[in-house]
Amino acid sequence: METIRERLIGTWRLVSYQVRSADGSVVYPMGKEVVGTIMYLADGYMSAMLMVPGRAPLSGGSAASATFEELVAAVTGFFAYVGRFEVDEAAKVVTHHIEIALAPQLVGTVQRRHVLFGGRRLRLRGDPAPIAGQQAVPVITWERATPDDDSPTEA
């Protein structure tokens, strides 16, 4: 039987990114159309990227020539981090040790995710945390990517 770590290795496409509040409400922080990829490598590193599709290109083709408003829109429509990961097989938890991130406050932090597999799907559930004044839990669902994938899985 494969370990959780062995099952994680590879590339996964985003199915949905939700935040579930204690009152039962569900919010999609980046919208329902968000796309993304998470990769777990055998050497113990991982990378996660999420993007709102349809973001406008930056004027002049680069950040150096973009307006402040364009930069804000580009950044708020994108999320990414990279770092080492470790798995607690008994607790069924993967921990991401963030080394590089778009959001500076994430650098040096750890993100614990409870792991649940179902068929070709992977669900990563965060620990409850205060979000917008109430306890909430991020729930991110992924689907195993295959070599013939030509576009991200839709939510």
N, C-alpha and C. Protein backbone atom coordinates (compact mmCIF):
# COMPACT_ATOMS: atom_id res chain seq x y z
N MET A 1 0.84 -1.19 0.00
CA MET A 1 0.00 0.00 0.00
C MET A 1 0.89 1.25 0.00
N GLU A 2 0.54 2.21 -0.86
CA GLU A 2 1.31 3.44 -0.96
C GLU A 2 1.10 4.33 0.27
N THR A 3 2.14 5.05 0.62
CA THR A 3 2.03 6.03 1.70
C THR A 3 1.35 7.29 1.15
N ILE A 4 0.94 8.16 2.05
CA ILE A 4 0.37 9.45 1.63
C ILE A 4 1.42 10.22 0.83
N ARG A 5 2.65 10.22 1.31
CA ARG A 5 3.71 10.94 0.60
C ARG A 5 3.85 10.43 -0.83
N GLU A 6 3.87 9.12 -1.00
CA GLU A 6 4.00 8.55 -2.34
C GLU A 6 2.82 8.93 -3.23
N ARG A 7 1.62 8.97 -2.65
CA ARG A 7 0.43 9.31 -3.42
C ARG A 7 0.40 10.79 -3.81
N LEU A 8 1.01 11.64 -2.99
CA LEU A 8 1.04 13.07 -3.29
C LEU A 8 1.95 13.41 -4.47
N ILE A 9 3.03 12.66 -4.65
CA ILE A 9 4.03 12.99 -5.65
C ILE A 9 3.40 13.10 -7.04
N GLY A 10 3.65 14.23 -7.69
CA GLY A 10 3.13 14.46 -9.02
C GLY A 10 2.48 15.83 -9.12
N THR A 11 1.72 16.00 -10.20
CA THR A 11 1.08 17.28 -10.51
C THR A 11 -0.43 17.13 -10.38
N TRP A 12 -1.05 18.13 -9.77
CA TRP A 12 -2.49 18.15 -9.52
C TRP A 12 -3.07 19.45 -10.06
N ARG A 13 -4.24 19.38 -10.66
CA ARG A 13 -4.95 20.56 -11.19
C ARG A 13 -6.07 20.94 -10.23
N LEU A 14 -6.27 22.23 -10.06
CA LEU A 14 -7.28 22.73 -9.14
C LEU A 14 -8.69 22.41 -9.62
N VAL A 15 -9.51 21.93 -8.71
CA VAL A 15 -10.94 21.71 -8.96
C VAL A 15 -11.72 22.84 -8.30
N SER A 16 -11.42 23.11 -7.01
CA SER A 16 -12.09 24.22 -6.33
C SER A 16 -11.27 24.69 -5.13
N TYR A 17 -11.43 25.97 -4.82
CA TYR A 17 -10.81 26.59 -3.65
C TYR A 17 -11.92 27.31 -2.91
N GLN A 18 -12.24 26.79 -1.72
CA GLN A 18 -13.32 27.34 -0.91
C GLN A 18 -12.81 27.66 0.49
N VAL A 19 -13.52 28.56 1.15
CA VAL A 19 -13.34 28.79 2.57
C VAL A 19 -14.70 28.56 3.21
N ARG A 20 -14.74 27.61 4.14
CA ARG A 20 -16.00 27.25 4.81
C ARG A 20 -15.99 27.83 6.21
N SER A 21 -17.01 28.64 6.50
CA SER A 21 -17.11 29.31 7.80
C SER A 21 -17.86 28.43 8.80
N ALA A 22 -17.67 28.76 10.07
CA ALA A 22 -18.32 28.01 11.14
C ALA A 22 -19.85 28.06 11.02
N ASP A 23 -20.38 29.13 10.42
CA ASP A 23 -21.83 29.25 10.28
C ASP A 23 -22.37 28.46 9.08
N GLY A 24 -21.48 27.73 8.37
CA GLY A 24 -21.90 26.91 7.24
C GLY A 24 -21.80 27.59 5.89
N SER A 25 -21.49 28.88 5.87
CA SER A 25 -21.38 29.57 4.59
C SER A 25 -20.08 29.19 3.88
N VAL A 26 -20.13 29.26 2.56
CA VAL A 26 -18.97 28.94 1.73
C VAL A 26 -18.64 30.15 0.87
N VAL A 27 -17.36 30.53 0.86
CA VAL A 27 -16.88 31.65 0.07
C VAL A 27 -15.79 31.12 -0.86
N TYR A 28 -15.75 31.67 -2.07
CA TYR A 28 -14.71 31.34 -3.04
C TYR A 28 -13.79 32.56 -3.14
N PRO A 29 -12.69 32.59 -2.36
CA PRO A 29 -11.85 33.79 -2.25
C PRO A 29 -11.33 34.33 -3.58
N MET A 30 -11.11 33.47 -4.55
CA MET A 30 -10.60 33.91 -5.85
C MET A 30 -11.64 33.67 -6.94
N GLY A 31 -12.89 33.47 -6.53
CA GLY A 31 -13.96 33.21 -7.48
C GLY A 31 -14.05 31.73 -7.84
N LYS A 32 -15.16 31.34 -8.42
CA LYS A 32 -15.37 29.93 -8.78
C LYS A 32 -14.58 29.51 -10.00
N GLU A 33 -14.11 30.47 -10.79
CA GLU A 33 -13.40 30.15 -12.05
C GLU A 33 -11.90 30.02 -11.87
N VAL A 34 -11.38 30.18 -10.66
CA VAL A 34 -9.95 30.14 -10.43
C VAL A 34 -9.34 28.83 -10.96
N VAL A 35 -8.13 28.92 -11.50
CA VAL A 35 -7.41 27.76 -11.99
C VAL A 35 -6.10 27.64 -11.20
N GLY A 36 -5.53 26.45 -11.17
CA GLY A 36 -4.28 26.31 -10.44
C GLY A 36 -3.65 24.95 -10.60
N THR A 37 -2.43 24.88 -10.10
CA THR A 37 -1.64 23.65 -10.12
C THR A 37 -0.85 23.56 -8.83
N ILE A 38 -0.77 22.36 -8.29
CA ILE A 38 0.12 22.09 -7.16
C ILE A 38 0.97 20.90 -7.56
N MET A 39 2.26 20.98 -7.25
CA MET A 39 3.18 19.90 -7.58
C MET A 39 3.94 19.49 -6.33
N TYR A 40 4.02 18.19 -6.14
CA TYR A 40 4.83 17.61 -5.07
C TYR A 40 5.93 16.81 -5.75
N LEU A 41 7.18 17.12 -5.43
CA LEU A 41 8.32 16.45 -6.04
C LEU A 41 8.92 15.42 -5.08
N ALA A 42 9.51 14.39 -5.63
CA ALA A 42 10.08 13.32 -4.83
C ALA A 42 11.21 13.81 -3.92
N ASP A 43 11.85 14.94 -4.29
CA ASP A 43 12.95 15.46 -3.48
C ASP A 43 12.48 16.23 -2.24
N GLY A 44 11.14 16.32 -2.04
CA GLY A 44 10.62 16.96 -0.84
C GLY A 44 10.23 18.41 -1.00
N TYR A 45 10.22 18.90 -2.23
CA TYR A 45 9.77 20.27 -2.48
C TYR A 45 8.39 20.27 -3.13
N MET A 46 7.68 21.36 -2.94
CA MET A 46 6.35 21.53 -3.53
C MET A 46 6.20 22.95 -4.03
N SER A 47 5.22 23.13 -4.92
CA SER A 47 4.92 24.44 -5.46
C SER A 47 3.41 24.51 -5.70
N ALA A 48 2.80 25.61 -5.33
CA ALA A 48 1.37 25.81 -5.56
C ALA A 48 1.15 27.17 -6.20
N MET A 49 0.32 27.20 -7.25
CA MET A 49 -0.02 28.44 -7.93
C MET A 49 -1.50 28.44 -8.28
N LEU A 50 -2.16 29.57 -7.99
CA LEU A 50 -3.56 29.76 -8.35
C LEU A 50 -3.69 31.08 -9.08
N MET A 51 -4.60 31.12 -10.07
CA MET A 51 -4.74 32.32 -10.88
C MET A 51 -6.19 32.52 -11.28
N VAL A 52 -6.63 33.76 -11.23
CA VAL A 52 -7.93 34.13 -11.78
C VAL A 52 -7.74 34.26 -13.29
N PRO A 53 -8.48 33.49 -14.08
CA PRO A 53 -8.30 33.58 -15.54
C PRO A 53 -8.83 34.91 -16.08
N GLY A 54 -8.29 35.30 -17.23
CA GLY A 54 -8.77 36.51 -17.89
C GLY A 54 -8.20 37.80 -17.35
N ARG A 55 -7.12 37.73 -16.59
CA ARG A 55 -6.51 38.97 -16.09
C ARG A 55 -5.99 39.78 -17.27
N ALA A 56 -6.12 41.07 -17.19
CA ALA A 56 -5.67 41.95 -18.27
C ALA A 56 -4.15 41.99 -18.34
N PRO A 57 -3.59 42.03 -19.55
CA PRO A 57 -2.13 42.15 -19.66
C PRO A 57 -1.67 43.52 -19.14
N LEU A 58 -0.42 43.56 -18.70
CA LEU A 58 0.15 44.82 -18.21
C LEU A 58 0.51 45.71 -19.40
N SER A 59 0.24 47.01 -19.26
CA SER A 59 0.59 47.93 -20.35
C SER A 59 2.11 47.95 -20.52
N GLY A 60 2.53 48.00 -21.75
CA GLY A 60 3.95 48.00 -22.03
C GLY A 60 4.58 46.62 -21.92
N GLY A 61 3.81 45.63 -21.50
CA GLY A 61 4.29 44.27 -21.46
C GLY A 61 5.15 43.88 -20.27
N SER A 62 5.31 44.77 -19.29
CA SER A 62 6.13 44.40 -18.13
C SER A 62 5.66 45.16 -16.89
N ALA A 63 6.05 44.66 -15.73
CA ALA A 63 5.70 45.31 -14.47
C ALA A 63 6.32 46.70 -14.37
N ALA A 64 7.49 46.88 -14.97
CA ALA A 64 8.17 48.18 -14.91
C ALA A 64 7.38 49.29 -15.57
N SER A 65 6.57 48.96 -16.59
CA SER A 65 5.82 50.01 -17.29
C SER A 65 4.32 49.99 -16.95
N ALA A 66 3.91 49.10 -16.07
CA ALA A 66 2.48 48.98 -15.72
C ALA A 66 2.06 50.08 -14.76
N THR A 67 0.77 50.37 -14.76
CA THR A 67 0.22 51.33 -13.80
C THR A 67 0.05 50.64 -12.46
N PHE A 68 -0.11 51.43 -11.42
CA PHE A 68 -0.34 50.90 -10.08
C PHE A 68 -1.59 50.02 -10.07
N GLU A 69 -2.65 50.47 -10.71
CA GLU A 69 -3.90 49.73 -10.75
C GLU A 69 -3.73 48.38 -11.46
N GLU A 70 -2.95 48.37 -12.54
CA GLU A 70 -2.69 47.11 -13.25
C GLU A 70 -1.92 46.13 -12.37
N LEU A 71 -0.95 46.64 -11.64
CA LEU A 71 -0.17 45.78 -10.75
C LEU A 71 -1.04 45.20 -9.64
N VAL A 72 -1.90 46.02 -9.06
CA VAL A 72 -2.80 45.55 -8.01
C VAL A 72 -3.70 44.44 -8.55
N ALA A 73 -4.27 44.64 -9.73
CA ALA A 73 -5.13 43.63 -10.34
C ALA A 73 -4.37 42.34 -10.63
N ALA A 74 -3.15 42.47 -11.10
CA ALA A 74 -2.34 41.28 -11.40
C ALA A 74 -2.03 40.49 -10.14
N VAL A 75 -1.66 41.19 -9.08
CA VAL A 75 -1.29 40.52 -7.83
C VAL A 75 -2.50 39.92 -7.13
N THR A 76 -3.61 40.63 -7.09
CA THR A 76 -4.79 40.10 -6.39
C THR A 76 -5.42 38.93 -7.14
N GLY A 77 -5.06 38.75 -8.38
CA GLY A 77 -5.58 37.62 -9.15
C GLY A 77 -4.62 36.46 -9.23
N PHE A 78 -3.60 36.45 -8.38
CA PHE A 78 -2.59 35.40 -8.44
C PHE A 78 -2.12 35.06 -7.03
N PHE A 79 -1.84 33.79 -6.80
CA PHE A 79 -1.36 33.33 -5.50
C PHE A 79 -0.34 32.23 -5.75
N ALA A 80 0.80 32.28 -5.08
CA ALA A 80 1.82 31.26 -5.29
C ALA A 80 2.75 31.15 -4.10
N TYR A 81 3.20 29.92 -3.86
CA TYR A 81 4.30 29.71 -2.93
C TYR A 81 5.02 28.41 -3.24
N VAL A 82 6.27 28.32 -2.71
CA VAL A 82 7.16 27.19 -2.94
C VAL A 82 7.87 26.88 -1.63
N GLY A 83 8.14 25.63 -1.40
CA GLY A 83 8.93 25.26 -0.23
C GLY A 83 9.03 23.76 -0.05
N ARG A 84 9.61 23.37 1.05
CA ARG A 84 9.71 21.96 1.39
C ARG A 84 8.36 21.47 1.93
N PHE A 85 8.15 20.17 1.85
CA PHE A 85 6.96 19.60 2.47
C PHE A 85 7.34 18.35 3.23
N GLU A 86 6.54 18.04 4.24
CA GLU A 86 6.70 16.80 4.98
C GLU A 86 5.32 16.25 5.28
N VAL A 87 5.26 14.94 5.47
CA VAL A 87 3.97 14.29 5.69
C VAL A 87 4.00 13.56 7.03
N ASP A 88 2.97 13.77 7.82
CA ASP A 88 2.73 12.99 9.03
C ASP A 88 1.72 11.93 8.63
N GLU A 89 2.21 10.73 8.37
CA GLU A 89 1.35 9.66 7.86
C GLU A 89 0.25 9.30 8.86
N ALA A 90 0.58 9.24 10.14
CA ALA A 90 -0.40 8.86 11.15
C ALA A 90 -1.54 9.88 11.26
N ALA A 91 -1.18 11.16 11.22
CA ALA A 91 -2.19 12.22 11.34
C ALA A 91 -2.85 12.55 10.01
N LYS A 92 -2.30 12.02 8.89
CA LYS A 92 -2.80 12.32 7.54
C LYS A 92 -2.75 13.82 7.26
N VAL A 93 -1.55 14.38 7.53
CA VAL A 93 -1.33 15.82 7.37
C VAL A 93 -0.07 16.04 6.55
N VAL A 94 -0.16 16.97 5.59
CA VAL A 94 1.02 17.43 4.87
C VAL A 94 1.29 18.85 5.35
N THR A 95 2.56 19.15 5.62
CA THR A 95 2.95 20.47 6.07
C THR A 95 3.84 21.10 5.02
N HIS A 96 3.46 22.29 4.58
CA HIS A 96 4.24 23.06 3.61
C HIS A 96 5.09 24.07 4.39
N HIS A 97 6.40 24.03 4.19
CA HIS A 97 7.32 24.98 4.82
C HIS A 97 7.65 26.03 3.76
N ILE A 98 7.01 27.18 3.84
CA ILE A 98 7.08 28.16 2.76
C ILE A 98 8.39 28.93 2.79
N GLU A 99 9.09 28.87 1.65
CA GLU A 99 10.37 29.55 1.48
C GLU A 99 10.28 30.75 0.55
N ILE A 100 9.40 30.67 -0.45
CA ILE A 100 9.21 31.74 -1.43
C ILE A 100 7.71 31.90 -1.61
N ALA A 101 7.22 33.16 -1.62
CA ALA A 101 5.78 33.37 -1.77
C ALA A 101 5.50 34.74 -2.37
N LEU A 102 4.42 34.83 -3.11
CA LEU A 102 3.97 36.12 -3.61
C LEU A 102 3.60 37.03 -2.43
N ALA A 103 2.91 36.48 -1.44
CA ALA A 103 2.54 37.24 -0.25
C ALA A 103 3.70 37.19 0.75
N PRO A 104 4.41 38.30 0.98
CA PRO A 104 5.60 38.29 1.83
C PRO A 104 5.38 37.72 3.23
N GLN A 105 4.19 37.91 3.80
CA GLN A 105 3.93 37.44 5.16
C GLN A 105 3.92 35.92 5.27
N LEU A 106 3.83 35.21 4.15
CA LEU A 106 3.84 33.74 4.19
C LEU A 106 5.26 33.15 4.27
N VAL A 107 6.26 33.92 3.84
CA VAL A 107 7.63 33.41 3.84
C VAL A 107 8.04 33.06 5.27
N GLY A 108 8.53 31.83 5.44
CA GLY A 108 8.97 31.37 6.76
C GLY A 108 7.86 30.73 7.58
N THR A 109 6.65 30.70 7.07
CA THR A 109 5.55 30.09 7.81
C THR A 109 5.37 28.64 7.40
N VAL A 110 4.54 27.94 8.15
CA VAL A 110 4.16 26.58 7.79
C VAL A 110 2.65 26.54 7.59
N GLN A 111 2.24 25.77 6.61
CA GLN A 111 0.81 25.60 6.31
C GLN A 111 0.49 24.11 6.44
N ARG A 112 -0.32 23.78 7.43
CA ARG A 112 -0.74 22.38 7.63
C ARG A 112 -2.01 22.12 6.83
N ARG A 113 -2.05 20.97 6.17
CA ARG A 113 -3.22 20.58 5.40
C ARG A 113 -3.55 19.13 5.69
N HIS A 114 -4.79 18.88 6.08
CA HIS A 114 -5.28 17.53 6.29
C HIS A 114 -5.56 16.94 4.91
N VAL A 115 -5.10 15.71 4.68
CA VAL A 115 -5.13 15.08 3.37
C VAL A 115 -6.24 14.04 3.30
N LEU A 116 -7.01 14.11 2.21
CA LEU A 116 -8.03 13.10 1.94
C LEU A 116 -7.99 12.78 0.45
N PHE A 117 -7.85 11.51 0.12
CA PHE A 117 -7.86 11.06 -1.27
C PHE A 117 -9.21 10.43 -1.59
N GLY A 118 -9.65 10.60 -2.83
CA GLY A 118 -10.86 9.95 -3.31
C GLY A 118 -10.75 9.78 -4.82
N GLY A 119 -10.46 8.57 -5.28
CA GLY A 119 -10.27 8.35 -6.71
C GLY A 119 -9.09 9.15 -7.20
N ARG A 120 -9.30 9.98 -8.23
CA ARG A 120 -8.24 10.84 -8.79
C ARG A 120 -8.15 12.18 -8.07
N ARG A 121 -8.93 12.34 -7.01
CA ARG A 121 -8.99 13.64 -6.31
C ARG A 121 -8.19 13.65 -5.02
N LEU A 122 -7.73 14.84 -4.70
CA LEU A 122 -7.00 15.12 -3.47
C LEU A 122 -7.67 16.33 -2.83
N ARG A 123 -8.05 16.20 -1.58
CA ARG A 123 -8.61 17.34 -0.85
C ARG A 123 -7.64 17.70 0.26
N LEU A 124 -7.28 18.99 0.29
CA LEU A 124 -6.42 19.53 1.33
C LEU A 124 -7.25 20.51 2.15
N ARG A 125 -7.38 20.21 3.44
CA ARG A 125 -8.19 21.05 4.33
C ARG A 125 -7.28 21.65 5.39
N GLY A 126 -7.34 22.98 5.51
CA GLY A 126 -6.53 23.68 6.50
C GLY A 126 -7.15 23.59 7.88
N ASP A 127 -6.38 24.01 8.87
CA ASP A 127 -6.89 24.10 10.23
C ASP A 127 -7.80 25.32 10.34
N PRO A 128 -8.79 25.29 11.24
CA PRO A 128 -9.62 26.48 11.43
C PRO A 128 -8.77 27.68 11.82
N ALA A 129 -9.11 28.83 11.25
CA ALA A 129 -8.38 30.06 11.53
C ALA A 129 -9.36 31.23 11.45
N PRO A 130 -9.06 32.32 12.16
CA PRO A 130 -9.95 33.48 12.07
C PRO A 130 -9.80 34.15 10.70
N ILE A 131 -10.91 34.21 9.97
CA ILE A 131 -10.95 34.87 8.67
C ILE A 131 -12.19 35.75 8.64
N ALA A 132 -11.99 37.03 8.40
CA ALA A 132 -13.09 38.00 8.35
C ALA A 132 -13.97 37.93 9.60
N GLY A 133 -13.33 37.80 10.77
CA GLY A 133 -14.06 37.89 12.03
C GLY A 133 -14.71 36.61 12.51
N GLN A 134 -14.53 35.49 11.80
CA GLN A 134 -15.09 34.24 12.30
C GLN A 134 -14.17 33.07 11.95
N GLN A 135 -14.35 31.96 12.62
CA GLN A 135 -13.55 30.77 12.34
C GLN A 135 -13.92 30.22 10.98
N ALA A 136 -12.92 29.91 10.18
CA ALA A 136 -13.16 29.39 8.84
C ALA A 136 -12.05 28.41 8.48
N VAL A 137 -12.36 27.54 7.50
CA VAL A 137 -11.44 26.49 7.08
C VAL A 137 -11.28 26.53 5.57
N PRO A 138 -10.02 26.67 5.08
CA PRO A 138 -9.82 26.57 3.63
C PRO A 138 -9.90 25.10 3.21
N VAL A 139 -10.60 24.87 2.10
CA VAL A 139 -10.71 23.52 1.54
C VAL A 139 -10.37 23.62 0.06
N ILE A 140 -9.28 22.96 -0.32
CA ILE A 140 -8.81 23.03 -1.70
C ILE A 140 -8.86 21.62 -2.29
N THR A 141 -9.58 21.48 -3.39
CA THR A 141 -9.73 20.17 -4.03
C THR A 141 -8.95 20.18 -5.35
N TRP A 142 -8.18 19.13 -5.55
CA TRP A 142 -7.31 18.96 -6.72
C TRP A 142 -7.65 17.66 -7.42
N GLU A 143 -7.30 17.57 -8.68
CA GLU A 143 -7.44 16.33 -9.44
C GLU A 143 -6.11 16.01 -10.09
N ARG A 144 -5.75 14.73 -10.06
CA ARG A 144 -4.46 14.30 -10.63
C ARG A 144 -4.37 14.73 -12.09
N ALA A 145 -3.30 15.41 -12.45
CA ALA A 145 -3.07 15.83 -13.83
C ALA A 145 -2.54 14.63 -14.63
N THR A 146 -2.87 14.62 -15.90
CA THR A 146 -2.36 13.57 -16.78
C THR A 146 -1.63 14.25 -17.94
N PRO A 147 -0.73 13.51 -18.60
CA PRO A 147 0.06 14.11 -19.69
C PRO A 147 -0.77 14.70 -20.82
N ASP A 148 -1.99 14.21 -21.02
CA ASP A 148 -2.81 14.72 -22.12
C ASP A 148 -3.72 15.87 -21.70
N ASP A 149 -3.58 16.36 -20.45
CA ASP A 149 -4.35 17.52 -20.02
C ASP A 149 -3.93 18.73 -20.85
N ASP A 150 -4.90 19.43 -21.44
CA ASP A 150 -4.55 20.64 -22.17
C ASP A 150 -5.11 21.88 -21.50
N SER A 151 -5.90 21.69 -20.45
CA SER A 151 -6.41 22.84 -19.70
C SER A 151 -6.75 22.39 -18.29
N PRO A 152 -6.75 23.33 -17.35
CA PRO A 152 -7.08 23.00 -15.97
C PRO A 152 -8.51 22.47 -15.85
N THR A 153 -8.72 21.63 -14.85
CA THR A 153 -10.06 21.12 -14.56
C THR A 153 -10.93 22.25 -14.07
N GLU A 154 -12.15 22.33 -14.53
CA GLU A 154 -13.07 23.37 -14.09
C GLU A 154 -13.74 22.93 -12.79
N ALA A 155 -14.08 23.92 -11.98
CA ALA A 155 -14.75 23.65 -10.70
C ALA A 155 -16.18 23.20 -10.92
